[in-house]
C-alpha cells in the first residue's frame, strides 16, 4: 500500500512519509554507509521496525518522547526512525556526555523510554524504561503511525541561562519546512551522497540526516577521528565521493583555504555554528555556503553563498524560504539598513517552545502586533544594502565556543556547586571560555581538579579552557559582577597541577614547547592530560601539524587522542622516527645527514 501523503497547511511533505516513499521507490538503494557496511532503505526500515517493536512492548505510544543515546551508527538513525513509526518523538543524546548530565536530561524531558547500550543504560536511565540494541528483534510488526504536522519530531537541548539546559520542541511541520528548502536549494535527489559528521546532540545532525533520507539519498557516516581533522576530513570527502557536506565553521575555515583535487565530487560545502572569518580560495570545485540559525528556528534561518571576493567577514546570507527575519532596536522599532538590531525570527520553522517551561517559552516566543509569532534570538544583526545580513554578536551574555551556544550562567552554576569555591564568574576571552574563581577557604584548587569535577556534570565543550583565581569578584555599584573589570586571566592563572613533571628527553622538551604555545600557557607538565588542560580537537590539530613539521613524522590526531600526555606522545613520536629510519636505505641516511 502506498504510504499516506500527509501535508501541512502550506503543502510541505512530512519526513516520515517521504522516507516511507523512498523505501517503496528504491528499497535496495543505499540509505546509510558506515565504513565497509552499506545498509539499504529496506534494511534500515526493518531495523527501525525492530526497535519500534521493542519500544512498543515497553509501552511507548503516540506523542511520547524516546531518548536515543547511541554512537554515530546505523542503529542511531534506526532508533530515531523507530520513535516516528510509533508517532513518538526522539531526544538525541551523546553517550560521551557526563553520565550525571545525561540522567538529568532524560528525567527533565519526561522521556517514556531510552535506547542505549546496556551498561550505560543501567547508570543513566533512572526510572525510565530502557532497551539496548540487542533487545531490538523481529518481534511484532509495527504499522507506521500517520504523523500530524503539529506533533513533535524531536526535542533537543541547548545551554540555559538559569543554570540548567533547556529543551527545544521541534514539530514535524517545522522539520518539513527545513527539508523542503534544503532539497530545493541544493538539488537533493535519489542517490545524492551526503556526509554525516555533526555532533550527536547537535541540531545540525537533523539537517544532515532527514533531507537526505527524504530524497532517497545516501547518508555516509564518518568516523570520530576523521571528523575532527580538517586535512583528513577533506581527503575522506573526496574518497567517499560526497556531494553535500556540513562542516562546523572552525573546521570549514581551514578546509576552504586548502587545495582540492579536480575530481572532487563535492558540490556544496555548508558551514555554520560560529562567526565565519575567512573567504574561500578562488577556483574551488564546490559552492561554499554560510548558514545561521538557532535551534529554536529548526537549524537554519539564513543562508548565503560565500565568494572569494568581498568584505573580510562574510555575511550570514538571506532568510531562507518560509522564514521571516526582522531587526529591532532596543525600543522595538525596526532597525534600518546599516544599523544593528536584535534578530527576531518568524515563519514555518519556528519551534513549539521549551519543553516543560511555559514561562521561558512566553518570554522568548512572543506575538508581535504586526508580524505574528516571533522568536527573540538575543543575536545582533544588521541589514546590508544588498539584502544580506551581517552578524554582530549577542545582546546578552551568551557566548559561542567552537560552534556551541553556551550560557555562562550554566557553567557558573556547576562551579558554585563545588565546595572548594565560594564564587565564580565565566566569560569568553580570545575564543576560550575562562572561569574566574574565588576559593572557599583561601586555598585554591588546581585547574585540573576543577576540570575533573566539572566533567562530571558538563560536556567537554562547556568546561573552561582556562582558570584564574581572585580574592573577590569585582562588582558594580548595584552589586552585579563587573565583567569589564575582570583581569587578564594569564596574570592570575591557577596552576594546572601541584607540581608538573619537567621534560626528561629532547623530544619531550621540544613537544612541551609546541603544546605550551598552542594551549597558551607555560605551567604544564609532561604528564598532564592535554584535554584536561583545556585542549580540544581543533587545538589538537594544531599540535599535530606543528609536531609533524618539527619531527618529520606522520603523526595523526588519533595518536593524540590515544596518548593524551606529552610524555606518551613523545614516546609515539620516537617510535615513528625509528620506524622511518628502519625503512631508509644507507644512501637515504647519508643524504639526510648531508653526506
Protein backbone atom coordinates (compact mmCIF):
# COMPACT_ATOMS: atom_id res chain seq x y z
CA UNK A 1 0.00 0.00 0.00
CA UNK A 2 1.35 3.44 -0.86
CA UNK A 3 2.22 5.46 2.27
CA UNK A 4 -0.13 8.30 3.17
CA UNK A 5 0.93 11.67 1.78
CA UNK A 6 0.36 13.80 4.84
CA UNK A 7 0.86 17.52 4.17
CA UNK A 8 0.74 20.51 6.45
CA UNK A 9 -1.22 23.68 5.84
CA UNK A 10 1.25 25.09 3.34
CA UNK A 11 1.84 21.87 1.42
CA UNK A 12 5.12 20.58 2.84
CA UNK A 13 5.54 16.80 2.85
CA UNK A 14 6.49 15.39 6.24
CA UNK A 15 9.74 13.47 6.78
CA UNK A 16 8.28 10.08 7.84
CA UNK A 17 6.06 9.99 4.73
CA UNK A 18 8.90 10.95 2.40
CA UNK A 19 11.23 8.33 3.90
CA UNK A 20 8.50 5.69 3.55
CA UNK A 21 8.11 6.64 -0.11
CA UNK A 22 11.89 6.44 -0.58
CA UNK A 23 11.74 2.90 0.79
CA UNK A 24 8.91 1.96 -1.59
CA UNK A 25 10.60 3.61 -4.56
CA UNK A 26 14.17 2.38 -4.06
CA UNK A 27 14.21 -0.36 -1.38
CA UNK A 28 17.61 -1.72 -2.42
CA UNK A 29 19.37 1.63 -2.75
CA UNK A 30 21.95 2.63 -0.15
CA UNK A 31 20.40 4.59 2.72
CA UNK A 32 23.38 4.55 5.08
CA UNK A 33 27.07 3.79 4.63
CA UNK A 34 29.36 3.32 7.63
CA UNK A 35 32.84 2.24 6.60
CA UNK A 36 32.50 -1.00 4.66
CA UNK A 37 28.88 -1.50 5.76
CA UNK A 38 26.16 -0.41 3.35
CA UNK A 39 22.53 -0.52 4.55
CA UNK A 40 19.65 -0.29 2.09
CA UNK A 41 16.40 1.57 2.65
CA UNK A 42 14.59 -1.74 3.16
CA UNK A 43 17.17 -2.86 5.74
CA UNK A 44 17.06 0.49 7.56
CA UNK A 45 13.25 0.39 7.75
CA UNK A 46 13.38 -3.20 9.01
CA UNK A 47 15.86 -2.28 11.72
CA UNK A 48 13.71 0.71 12.73
CA UNK A 49 10.69 -1.62 12.95
CA UNK A 50 12.64 -3.92 15.28
CA UNK A 51 13.41 -1.00 17.59
CA UNK A 52 9.78 0.14 17.32
CA UNK A 53 8.54 -3.30 18.36
CA UNK A 54 10.82 -3.26 21.43
CA UNK A 55 9.65 0.26 22.33
CA UNK A 56 6.02 -0.73 21.86
CA UNK A 57 6.50 -3.63 24.29
CA UNK A 58 7.82 -1.07 26.81
CA UNK A 59 4.62 0.97 26.45
CA UNK A 60 5.72 3.69 24.04
CA UNK A 61 2.79 5.15 22.12
CA UNK A 62 1.90 8.20 20.06
CA UNK A 63 3.02 11.65 21.33
CA UNK A 64 5.55 10.20 23.79
CA UNK A 65 9.27 11.02 23.81
CA UNK A 66 12.08 8.48 23.30
CA UNK A 67 15.66 9.33 24.26
CA UNK A 68 18.35 7.87 21.98
CA UNK A 69 21.87 7.65 23.38
CA UNK A 70 23.91 5.71 20.83
CA UNK A 71 27.16 6.39 18.97
CA UNK A 72 27.07 7.56 15.33
CA UNK A 73 25.85 4.39 13.64
CA UNK A 74 23.09 2.72 11.64
CA UNK A 75 21.35 1.88 14.92
CA UNK A 76 21.37 5.54 15.95
CA UNK A 77 19.40 6.55 12.84
CA UNK A 78 17.14 3.48 13.04
CA UNK A 79 16.31 4.28 16.68
CA UNK A 80 15.13 7.78 15.77
CA UNK A 81 13.04 6.40 12.92
CA UNK A 82 11.54 3.85 15.31
CA UNK A 83 10.16 6.63 17.50
CA UNK A 84 8.48 8.15 14.44
CA UNK A 85 7.00 4.78 13.46
CA UNK A 86 5.11 4.87 16.77
CA UNK A 87 4.06 8.50 16.36
CA UNK A 88 6.51 9.47 19.12
CA UNK A 89 9.39 11.98 19.05
CA UNK A 90 13.07 11.44 19.76
CA UNK A 91 15.60 13.18 22.03
CA UNK A 92 19.19 12.74 20.75
CA UNK A 93 21.88 12.45 23.43
CA UNK A 94 25.62 11.96 23.06
CA UNK A 95 26.91 8.96 25.06
CA UNK A 96 30.21 10.85 25.55
CA UNK A 97 28.49 13.45 27.76
CA UNK A 98 28.84 13.12 31.55
CA UNK A 99 26.50 10.49 32.96
CA UNK A 100 25.05 12.87 35.58
CA UNK A 101 24.10 15.31 32.81
CA UNK A 102 22.53 12.55 30.70
CA UNK A 103 20.45 11.38 33.68
CA UNK A 104 19.27 14.93 34.31
CA UNK A 105 18.28 15.46 30.68
CA UNK A 106 16.33 12.20 30.47
CA UNK A 107 14.43 12.94 33.68
CA UNK A 108 13.78 16.61 32.88
CA UNK A 109 12.45 15.81 29.40
CA UNK A 110 9.97 13.26 30.80
CA UNK A 111 11.09 10.52 28.43
CA UNK A 112 8.94 7.40 28.14
CA UNK A 113 11.85 5.19 27.08
CA UNK A 114 15.59 5.23 26.43
CA UNK A 115 17.55 3.42 23.71
CA UNK A 116 21.13 2.96 24.93
CA UNK A 117 23.95 0.44 25.24
CA UNK A 118 23.10 -1.80 28.16
CA UNK A 119 25.90 -0.83 30.56
CA UNK A 120 25.41 2.91 30.17
CA UNK A 121 21.64 2.50 30.38
CA UNK A 122 21.88 0.95 33.83
CA UNK A 123 23.75 4.03 35.03
CA UNK A 124 21.69 6.84 33.46
CA UNK A 125 18.13 5.58 32.91
CA UNK A 126 16.83 6.11 36.43
CA UNK A 127 13.14 5.15 36.40
CA UNK A 128 12.91 5.45 32.59
CA UNK A 129 12.45 2.07 30.83
CA UNK A 130 15.47 1.35 28.63
CA UNK A 131 16.24 -1.00 25.77
CA UNK A 132 19.58 -1.85 24.19
CA UNK A 133 20.21 -2.59 20.50
CA UNK A 134 20.27 -6.29 21.48
CA UNK A 135 16.63 -6.02 22.60
CA UNK A 136 15.50 -4.95 19.11
CA UNK A 137 14.40 -8.04 17.21
CA UNK A 138 11.91 -9.13 14.58
CA UNK A 139 9.01 -9.14 17.00
CA UNK A 140 5.57 -7.62 16.48
CA UNK A 141 5.05 -5.85 13.15
CA UNK A 142 4.56 -2.16 13.80
CA UNK A 143 2.47 -0.19 11.34
CA UNK A 144 3.75 3.33 10.80
CA UNK A 145 1.54 5.89 12.54
CA UNK A 146 0.20 8.77 10.46
CA UNK A 147 2.03 11.89 11.53
CA UNK A 148 0.44 15.26 12.18
CA UNK A 149 2.48 18.38 11.28
CA UNK A 150 1.81 19.80 14.75
CA UNK A 151 3.15 16.71 16.55
CA UNK A 152 6.71 16.63 17.88
CA UNK A 153 9.51 15.35 15.63
CA UNK A 154 12.33 15.78 18.12
CA UNK A 155 13.42 17.56 21.30
CA UNK A 156 16.97 18.88 21.60
CA UNK A 157 18.87 20.53 24.44
CA UNK A 158 20.71 23.87 24.40
CA UNK A 159 22.53 25.67 27.19
CA UNK A 160 20.28 27.51 29.65
CA UNK A 161 20.70 30.91 31.34
CA UNK A 162 19.11 29.60 34.56
CA UNK A 163 21.98 27.20 35.17
CA UNK A 164 20.19 24.20 33.63
CA UNK A 165 19.99 23.08 29.98
CA UNK A 166 16.74 23.87 28.14
CA UNK A 167 14.91 21.52 25.79
CA UNK A 168 13.57 22.87 22.48
CA UNK A 169 10.49 21.16 20.97
CA UNK A 170 10.57 20.91 17.16
CA UNK A 171 7.48 19.74 15.27
CA UNK A 172 7.18 17.69 12.09
CA UNK A 173 5.87 20.79 10.34
CA UNK A 174 8.99 22.73 11.40
CA UNK A 175 11.26 19.97 10.12
CA UNK A 176 9.30 19.61 6.88
CA UNK A 177 9.87 23.29 6.07
CA UNK A 178 13.63 22.85 6.57
CA UNK A 179 13.67 19.76 4.36
CA UNK A 180 11.68 21.43 1.58
CA UNK A 181 14.07 24.41 1.48
CA UNK A 182 17.18 22.23 1.64
CA UNK A 183 16.10 19.86 -1.14
CA UNK A 184 15.24 22.76 -3.42
CA UNK A 185 18.29 24.90 -2.63
CA UNK A 186 20.87 22.13 -3.02
CA UNK A 187 19.19 19.79 -5.54
CA UNK A 188 18.96 16.61 -3.48
CA UNK A 189 17.74 13.56 -5.34
CA UNK A 190 17.93 9.77 -5.30
CA UNK A 191 21.50 8.67 -4.73
CA UNK A 192 22.84 12.06 -3.58
CA UNK A 193 25.69 11.31 -1.19
CA UNK A 194 25.66 13.42 1.98
CA UNK A 195 28.11 13.23 4.88
CA UNK A 196 27.02 12.78 8.49
CA UNK A 197 29.52 14.25 10.96
CA UNK A 198 27.72 16.78 13.18
CA UNK A 199 27.78 16.21 16.93
CA UNK A 200 25.26 13.61 18.08
CA UNK A 201 23.39 16.08 20.32
CA UNK A 202 23.77 18.99 17.86
CA UNK A 203 20.73 20.01 15.82
CA UNK A 204 22.78 20.14 12.60
CA UNK A 205 22.62 16.32 12.64
CA UNK A 206 18.89 16.54 11.85
CA UNK A 207 19.80 18.78 8.91
CA UNK A 208 22.22 16.15 7.58
CA UNK A 209 20.03 13.09 8.10
CA UNK A 210 16.41 13.88 7.24
CA UNK A 211 16.68 15.82 3.94
CA UNK A 212 18.98 13.07 2.63
CA UNK A 213 16.74 10.14 3.56
CA UNK A 214 13.62 12.07 2.47
CA UNK A 215 15.18 12.36 -1.01
CA UNK A 216 16.28 8.75 -1.42
CA UNK A 217 19.91 9.82 -0.99
CA UNK A 218 22.78 8.02 0.73
CA UNK A 219 23.96 9.18 4.15
CA UNK A 220 27.66 8.45 4.71
CA UNK A 221 28.80 8.27 8.34
CA UNK A 222 32.32 9.46 9.19
CA UNK A 223 34.49 8.06 11.98
CA UNK A 224 35.24 10.09 15.10
CA UNK A 225 38.90 10.85 14.41
CA UNK A 226 38.44 11.89 10.76
CA UNK A 227 35.60 14.28 11.58
CA UNK A 228 37.92 16.32 13.81
CA UNK A 229 40.90 16.73 11.45
CA UNK A 230 40.48 19.23 8.59
CA UNK A 231 43.03 17.57 6.29
CA UNK A 232 41.80 14.04 6.94
CA UNK A 233 38.19 15.18 6.52
CA UNK A 234 38.95 16.76 3.14
CA UNK A 235 40.60 13.54 1.99
CA UNK A 236 37.66 11.49 3.26
CA UNK A 237 35.08 13.68 1.48
CA UNK A 238 37.00 13.24 -1.77
CA UNK A 239 37.49 9.48 -1.34
CA UNK A 240 33.84 8.88 -0.43
CA UNK A 241 32.58 10.98 -3.37
CA UNK A 242 30.47 13.13 -1.03
CA UNK A 243 28.32 15.67 -2.90
CA UNK A 244 26.91 17.69 0.02
CA UNK A 245 28.59 18.15 3.39
CA UNK A 246 28.02 20.21 6.52
CA UNK A 247 31.21 21.13 8.38
CA UNK A 248 31.29 23.35 11.51
CA UNK A 249 32.89 26.76 10.99
CA UNK A 250 36.10 26.01 12.87
CA UNK A 251 36.86 23.11 10.50
CA UNK A 252 35.42 24.71 7.38
CA UNK A 253 37.74 27.72 7.62
CA UNK A 254 40.98 25.76 7.10
CA UNK A 255 39.31 23.47 4.56
CA UNK A 256 38.34 26.29 2.18
CA UNK A 257 41.90 27.59 2.18
CA UNK A 258 43.24 24.17 1.07
CA UNK A 259 43.75 22.92 -2.47
CA UNK A 260 41.22 20.32 -3.62
CA UNK A 261 41.69 17.77 -6.40
CA UNK A 262 39.84 18.40 -9.67
CA UNK A 263 37.98 15.07 -9.39
CA UNK A 264 36.22 16.17 -6.19
CA UNK A 265 32.54 15.17 -6.28
CA UNK A 266 31.65 17.71 -3.58
CA UNK A 267 29.42 20.43 -4.99
CA UNK A 268 28.17 22.11 -1.79
CA UNK A 269 30.10 22.67 1.44
CA UNK A 270 27.76 24.01 4.12
CA UNK A 271 29.01 25.65 7.28
CA UNK A 272 27.63 27.38 10.35
CA UNK A 273 27.74 27.49 14.18
CA UNK A 274 30.39 30.22 14.58
CA UNK A 275 31.09 33.59 13.00
CA UNK A 276 32.83 32.96 9.68
CA UNK A 277 36.04 34.97 9.31
CA UNK A 278 37.57 33.72 6.03
CA UNK A 279 36.66 33.52 2.37
CA UNK A 280 37.38 30.52 0.14
CA UNK A 281 40.28 30.27 -2.26
CA UNK A 282 39.36 31.06 -5.87
CA UNK A 283 38.68 28.06 -8.08
CA UNK A 284 37.40 25.57 -5.50
CA UNK A 285 35.24 22.86 -7.15
CA UNK A 286 32.23 23.46 -4.86
CA UNK A 287 29.96 26.21 -3.57
CA UNK A 288 30.76 27.37 -0.05
CA UNK A 289 27.59 28.31 1.85
CA UNK A 290 27.44 30.09 5.20
CA UNK A 291 24.35 29.49 7.36
CA UNK A 292 22.88 30.90 10.56
CA UNK A 293 20.04 29.80 12.79
CA UNK A 294 19.30 28.98 16.42
CA UNK A 295 17.88 25.62 17.46
CA UNK A 296 14.56 27.41 18.09
CA UNK A 297 14.18 28.03 14.33
CA UNK A 298 14.98 24.44 13.28
CA UNK A 299 18.67 24.67 12.46
CA UNK A 300 18.78 27.24 9.62
CA UNK A 301 17.20 30.70 9.31
CA UNK A 302 19.53 32.44 6.83
CA UNK A 303 21.88 31.15 4.16
CA UNK A 304 24.23 32.60 1.56
CA UNK A 305 26.99 31.61 -0.86
CA UNK A 306 30.42 32.89 0.17
CA UNK A 307 32.62 34.01 -2.71
CA UNK A 308 36.37 34.65 -2.72
CA UNK A 309 35.75 38.38 -3.19
CA UNK A 310 34.12 40.77 -0.74
CA UNK A 311 34.41 42.08 2.80
CA UNK A 312 36.78 40.27 5.12
CA UNK A 313 33.93 38.93 7.26
CA UNK A 314 31.25 37.23 5.13
CA UNK A 315 27.56 37.82 5.79
CA UNK A 316 25.16 35.16 7.06
CA UNK A 317 23.15 35.41 3.84
CA UNK A 318 19.43 36.00 3.38
CA UNK A 319 16.33 34.50 5.05
CA UNK A 320 15.59 31.04 3.64
CA UNK A 321 12.24 30.14 2.07
CA UNK A 322 9.38 30.20 4.58
CA UNK A 323 11.38 32.18 7.16
CA UNK A 324 10.95 35.85 8.11
CA UNK A 325 13.73 37.91 9.66
CA UNK A 326 13.13 41.20 11.49
CA UNK A 327 15.70 43.50 13.08
CA UNK A 328 14.51 45.62 16.02
CA UNK A 329 16.19 48.35 18.04
CA UNK A 330 16.01 48.30 21.85
CA UNK A 331 12.85 50.46 21.73
CA UNK A 332 11.10 47.93 19.48
CA UNK A 333 11.25 49.95 16.26
CA UNK A 334 12.69 48.39 13.08
CA UNK A 335 16.42 48.89 12.50
CA UNK A 336 17.34 50.42 9.16
CA UNK A 337 19.97 49.37 6.64
CA UNK A 338 23.42 49.60 8.22
CA UNK A 339 22.00 49.78 11.75
CA UNK A 340 22.40 46.98 14.29
CA UNK A 341 19.32 45.44 15.89
CA UNK A 342 18.20 42.25 17.61
CA UNK A 343 17.30 39.44 15.20
CA UNK A 344 13.71 38.21 15.59
CA UNK A 345 12.66 35.17 13.54
CA UNK A 346 9.23 34.10 12.29
CA UNK A 347 7.88 31.57 9.82
CA UNK A 348 7.22 27.87 9.36
CA UNK A 349 10.38 26.69 11.13
CA UNK A 350 9.64 28.36 14.45
CA UNK A 351 9.74 25.69 17.17
CA UNK A 352 6.86 24.98 19.55
CA UNK A 353 8.83 26.26 22.54
CA UNK A 354 10.74 24.93 25.56
CA UNK A 355 9.63 21.61 26.98
CA UNK A 356 8.21 21.93 30.47
CA UNK A 357 8.97 25.67 30.69
CA UNK A 358 5.96 27.79 29.69
CA UNK A 359 7.40 30.93 31.33
CA UNK A 360 10.60 30.84 29.27
CA UNK A 361 8.59 29.98 26.16
CA UNK A 362 6.39 33.03 26.68
CA UNK A 363 9.47 35.21 27.24
CA UNK A 364 11.34 34.18 24.09
CA UNK A 365 8.48 33.29 21.70
CA UNK A 366 6.37 36.42 21.51
CA UNK A 367 3.39 37.61 19.49
CA UNK A 368 4.21 40.77 17.59
CA UNK A 369 1.21 43.03 16.78
CA UNK A 370 2.23 43.29 13.12
CA UNK A 371 4.30 40.18 12.34
CA UNK A 372 2.66 37.48 14.48
CA UNK A 373 4.60 34.86 16.42
CA UNK A 374 8.35 35.57 16.53
CA UNK A 375 11.39 34.21 18.36
CA UNK A 376 13.71 36.71 20.01
CA UNK A 377 17.18 35.31 19.34
CA UNK A 378 19.30 37.61 21.50
CA UNK A 379 21.62 37.89 18.49
CA UNK A 380 22.52 41.21 16.88
CA UNK A 381 22.39 41.62 13.12
CA UNK A 382 22.43 44.36 10.52
CA UNK A 383 20.72 44.59 7.13
CA UNK A 384 23.19 45.25 4.33
CA UNK A 385 22.33 47.23 1.22
CA UNK A 386 22.29 44.04 -0.92
CA UNK A 387 19.61 42.39 1.26
CA UNK A 388 22.02 40.15 3.16
CA UNK A 389 22.57 40.21 6.93
CA UNK A 390 25.79 40.87 8.83
CA UNK A 391 26.10 39.13 12.19
CA UNK A 392 27.06 41.47 15.04
CA UNK A 393 27.29 39.30 18.17
CA UNK A 394 25.00 38.91 21.18
CA UNK A 395 22.64 41.17 23.07
CA UNK A 396 23.08 39.24 26.31
CA UNK A 397 25.93 37.30 27.86
CA UNK A 398 25.52 34.10 25.86
CA UNK A 399 28.69 33.05 24.03
CA UNK A 400 29.61 30.65 21.27
CA UNK A 401 32.65 28.45 21.74
CA UNK A 402 33.65 26.08 18.94
CA UNK A 403 30.15 26.20 17.48
CA UNK A 404 28.26 25.57 20.72
CA UNK A 405 25.88 28.09 22.28
CA UNK A 406 26.86 28.36 25.93
CA UNK A 407 25.15 30.23 28.71
CA UNK A 408 27.97 31.19 31.14
CA UNK A 409 25.38 31.06 33.94
CA UNK A 410 25.09 27.30 33.47
CA UNK A 411 28.84 26.86 33.89
CA UNK A 412 28.83 29.22 36.90
CA UNK A 413 26.06 27.13 38.49
CA UNK A 414 28.19 24.00 38.13
CA UNK A 415 31.26 25.77 39.60
CA UNK A 416 29.31 27.18 42.52
CA UNK A 417 28.15 23.69 43.50
CA UNK A 418 31.78 22.79 44.25
CA UNK A 419 32.65 23.06 47.94
CA UNK A 420 36.16 24.33 47.15
CA UNK A 421 34.77 27.58 45.70
CA UNK A 422 32.78 30.42 47.22
CA UNK A 423 32.05 32.34 44.00
CA UNK A 424 32.80 32.32 40.29
CA UNK A 425 32.16 34.09 37.01
CA UNK A 426 32.66 32.80 33.47
CA UNK A 427 33.46 34.87 30.39
CA UNK A 428 34.74 34.43 26.84
CA UNK A 429 38.29 35.63 26.24
CA UNK A 430 40.10 35.30 22.89
CA UNK A 431 37.85 32.46 21.76
CA UNK A 432 38.21 30.49 25.01
CA UNK A 433 35.87 30.01 27.95
CA UNK A 434 37.58 31.39 31.06
CA UNK A 435 36.49 30.82 34.67
CA UNK A 436 37.43 33.29 37.42
CA UNK A 437 37.05 31.60 40.80
CA UNK A 438 37.18 32.65 44.45
CA UNK A 439 38.41 29.81 46.73
CA UNK A 440 36.17 29.00 49.69
CA UNK A 441 38.94 28.87 52.29
CA UNK A 442 41.64 30.96 50.62
CA UNK A 443 43.38 27.81 49.34
CA UNK A 444 42.83 27.49 45.62
CA UNK A 445 42.34 24.08 44.00
CA UNK A 446 44.33 23.32 40.85
CA UNK A 447 42.85 23.88 37.41
CA UNK A 448 42.99 20.15 36.69
CA UNK A 449 41.00 19.42 39.87
CA UNK A 450 38.30 21.88 38.82
CA UNK A 451 38.16 20.44 35.30
CA UNK A 452 37.86 16.91 36.63
CA UNK A 453 34.96 17.98 38.86
CA UNK A 454 33.16 19.84 36.05
CA UNK A 455 33.43 16.93 33.62
CA UNK A 456 31.15 15.00 35.99
CA UNK A 457 28.21 17.24 35.03
CA UNK A 458 29.17 19.28 31.94
CA UNK A 459 30.08 18.19 28.39
CA UNK A 460 33.66 18.95 27.40
CA UNK A 461 32.79 21.99 25.29
CA UNK A 462 31.34 23.72 28.39
CA UNK A 463 34.39 23.11 30.59
CA UNK A 464 36.51 26.31 30.73
CA UNK A 465 39.82 26.20 28.92
CA UNK A 466 41.46 28.48 31.47
CA UNK A 467 41.02 29.21 35.17
CA UNK A 468 42.05 32.29 37.14
CA UNK A 469 41.83 32.86 40.90
CA UNK A 470 40.67 36.08 42.55
CA UNK A 471 40.34 37.18 46.17
CA UNK A 472 36.87 38.52 45.34
CA UNK A 473 34.77 39.15 42.26
CA UNK A 474 34.73 42.77 41.01
CA UNK A 475 31.27 44.29 41.47
CA UNK A 476 29.45 47.28 40.03
CA UNK A 477 27.75 49.90 42.20
CA UNK A 478 24.49 47.92 42.12
CA UNK A 479 26.16 44.72 43.21
CA UNK A 480 26.42 42.93 39.85
CA UNK A 481 29.61 41.29 38.64
CA UNK A 482 31.59 43.84 36.63
CA UNK A 483 32.72 41.68 33.70
CA UNK A 484 34.69 44.58 32.20
CA UNK A 485 36.83 44.75 35.36
CA UNK A 486 37.95 41.11 35.18
CA UNK A 487 41.74 40.97 34.79
CA UNK A 488 43.87 39.19 32.22
CA UNK A 489 43.46 35.52 33.20
CA UNK A 490 47.11 34.81 32.41
CA UNK A 491 48.15 37.08 35.28
CA UNK A 492 46.03 35.17 37.80
CA UNK A 493 46.15 31.66 36.30
CA UNK A 494 45.59 28.67 38.54
CA UNK A 495 48.39 26.11 38.34
CA UNK A 496 47.35 23.04 36.35
CA UNK A 497 48.79 20.52 38.81
CA UNK A 498 50.54 20.78 42.17
CA UNK A 499 53.89 20.07 40.52
CA UNK A 500 54.05 19.24 36.85
CA UNK A 501 56.91 16.91 35.85
CA UNK A 502 59.58 18.60 33.74
CA UNK A 503 60.68 17.10 30.41
CA UNK A 504 63.46 14.49 30.65
CA UNK A 505 64.26 13.99 26.95
CA UNK A 506 64.87 16.33 23.99
CA UNK A 507 61.67 15.07 22.38
CA UNK A 508 59.61 15.89 25.49
CA UNK A 509 61.26 19.30 25.71
CA UNK A 510 60.50 20.20 22.08
CA UNK A 511 56.94 18.83 22.28
CA UNK A 512 56.29 20.69 25.55
CA UNK A 513 57.19 23.94 23.79
CA UNK A 514 54.74 23.11 20.99
CA UNK A 515 51.88 22.21 23.35
CA UNK A 516 52.53 25.24 25.58
CA UNK A 517 52.43 27.52 22.57
CA UNK A 518 49.16 26.07 21.30
CA UNK A 519 47.46 25.95 24.72
CA UNK A 520 48.77 29.40 25.63
CA UNK A 521 50.37 28.63 28.98
CA UNK A 522 53.75 27.52 30.29
CA UNK A 523 52.94 25.99 33.69
CA UNK A 524 52.24 22.45 32.48
CA UNK A 525 54.00 19.14 32.98
CA UNK A 526 54.69 16.31 30.58
CA UNK A 527 52.26 14.01 32.40
CA UNK A 528 49.32 16.45 32.28
CA UNK A 529 46.35 15.38 30.16
CA UNK A 530 46.13 17.62 27.06
CA UNK A 531 42.33 17.56 27.08
CA UNK A 532 42.06 18.35 30.78
CA UNK A 533 44.34 21.33 30.16
CA UNK A 534 41.58 22.80 28.02
CA UNK A 535 42.76 21.22 24.78
CA UNK A 536 40.20 20.13 22.20
CA UNK A 537 40.22 18.65 18.72
CA UNK A 538 40.94 21.92 16.91
CA UNK A 539 43.87 22.79 19.19
CA UNK A 540 44.94 19.17 18.90
CA UNK A 541 45.10 19.55 15.12
CA UNK A 542 47.49 22.48 15.58
CA UNK A 543 49.70 20.38 17.87
CA UNK A 544 49.76 17.54 15.34
CA UNK A 545 50.61 19.82 12.41
CA UNK A 546 53.44 21.55 14.29
CA UNK A 547 54.79 18.24 15.58
CA UNK A 548 54.81 16.80 12.03
CA UNK A 549 56.92 19.75 10.89
CA UNK A 550 59.22 19.65 13.92
CA UNK A 551 59.92 15.90 13.93
CA UNK A 552 59.29 14.94 10.29
CA UNK A 553 56.91 12.08 11.11
CA UNK A 554 53.31 11.29 10.10
CA UNK A 555 51.72 11.97 13.47
CA UNK A 556 47.89 11.91 13.48
CA UNK A 557 45.13 13.25 15.70
CA UNK A 558 44.41 9.65 16.70
CA UNK A 559 47.86 9.45 18.31
CA UNK A 560 47.00 12.47 20.46
CA UNK A 561 43.60 11.07 21.42
CA UNK A 562 45.27 7.79 22.36
CA UNK A 563 48.27 9.25 24.21
CA UNK A 564 46.82 12.45 25.70
CA UNK A 565 50.05 13.47 27.52
CA UNK A 566 53.33 14.97 26.28
CA UNK A 567 55.23 12.01 27.72
CA UNK A 568 53.10 9.44 25.89
CA UNK A 569 53.04 11.40 22.63
CA UNK A 570 56.83 11.83 22.79
CA UNK A 571 57.21 8.07 23.03
CA UNK A 572 54.96 7.67 19.96
CA UNK A 573 57.00 10.25 18.02
CA UNK A 574 60.26 8.50 18.87
CA UNK A 575 58.79 5.17 17.69
CA UNK A 576 57.71 6.77 14.42
CA UNK A 577 61.19 8.24 13.95
CA UNK A 578 62.81 4.82 14.47
CA UNK A 579 60.31 3.22 12.04
CA UNK A 580 61.18 5.87 9.46
CA UNK A 581 64.92 5.27 9.95
CA UNK A 582 64.48 1.49 9.66
CA UNK A 583 62.73 1.97 6.31
CA UNK A 584 65.55 4.15 4.93
CA UNK A 585 68.42 2.81 2.88
CA UNK A 586 72.04 3.62 3.74
CA UNK A 587 72.06 6.08 0.84
CA UNK A 588 68.90 7.78 2.16
CA UNK A 589 70.51 8.14 5.60
CA UNK A 590 73.72 9.62 4.10
CA UNK A 591 71.68 12.15 2.10
CA UNK A 592 69.60 13.09 5.17
CA UNK A 593 72.82 13.61 7.12
CA UNK A 594 74.20 15.82 4.36
CA UNK A 595 76.90 13.35 3.37
